[in-house]
Amino acid sequence: MLDHAHAGPLGLASASAMADYIVLDMIAEAASGSKSPKEAAERAQKRAERYYKV
């Protein structure tokens, strides 16, 4: 898997988030109008928190 605009190595959390299409889904939801940009970002954040223990 290739790094996406990050100089460091991919970790388990970032690879899992990419495999779950979190950012792609967020953009698609906002662009299609199914969710507002704010709602899409909030949903993406909740999804990412599964991988990044905050």
Protein backbone atom coordinates (compact mmCIF):
# COMPACT_ATOMS: atom_id res chain seq x y z
CA MET A 1 0.00 0.00 0.00
CA LEU A 2 1.39 3.40 -0.92
CA ASP A 3 1.67 6.28 1.52
CA HIS A 4 -0.79 9.10 0.96
CA ALA A 5 0.97 12.44 1.46
CA HIS A 6 2.77 11.46 4.64
CA ALA A 7 6.50 11.15 4.99
CA GLY A 8 6.38 8.53 7.74
CA PRO A 9 5.54 4.84 7.56
CA LEU A 10 1.95 3.63 7.45
CA GLY A 11 0.75 2.38 10.79
CA LEU A 12 -2.03 -0.08 11.49
CA ALA A 13 -4.55 2.67 12.28
CA SER A 14 -3.89 4.70 9.14
CA ALA A 15 -3.89 1.62 6.90
CA SER A 16 -7.16 0.46 8.46
CA ALA A 17 -8.77 3.87 8.03
CA MET A 18 -7.73 3.95 4.37
CA ALA A 19 -9.02 0.41 3.81
CA ASP A 20 -12.36 1.42 5.35
CA TYR A 21 -12.62 4.33 2.85
CA ILE A 22 -13.36 6.85 5.61
CA VAL A 23 -12.10 9.93 3.75
CA LEU A 24 -13.50 8.82 0.40
CA ASP A 25 -16.94 8.18 1.91
CA MET A 26 -16.87 11.55 3.70
CA ILE A 27 -16.20 13.37 0.43
CA ALA A 28 -18.83 11.35 -1.44
CA GLU A 29 -21.49 12.01 1.20
CA ALA A 30 -20.83 15.74 1.16
CA ALA A 31 -20.53 15.99 -2.63
CA SER A 32 -23.69 13.98 -3.31
CA GLY A 33 -25.72 16.00 -0.84
CA SER A 34 -26.73 12.96 1.20
CA LYS A 35 -25.15 14.69 4.21
CA SER A 36 -24.01 18.22 4.87
CA PRO A 37 -20.23 18.68 4.94
CA LYS A 38 -20.38 19.04 8.72
CA GLU A 39 -22.44 15.85 9.13
CA ALA A 40 -20.11 13.94 6.80
CA ALA A 41 -17.05 15.11 8.76
CA GLU A 42 -18.65 14.16 12.09
CA ARG A 43 -19.48 10.68 10.78
CA ALA A 44 -15.95 10.26 9.44
CA GLN A 45 -14.52 11.29 12.79
CA LYS A 46 -16.61 8.70 14.62
CA ARG A 47 -15.54 6.03 12.15
CA ALA A 48 -11.86 6.99 12.50
CA GLU A 49 -12.05 6.83 16.29
CA ARG A 50 -12.48 3.04 15.94
CA TYR A 51 -8.88 2.89 14.73
CA TYR A 52 -7.36 5.86 16.55
CA LYS A 53 -8.14 5.43 20.20
CA VAL A 54 -8.74 8.98 21.42
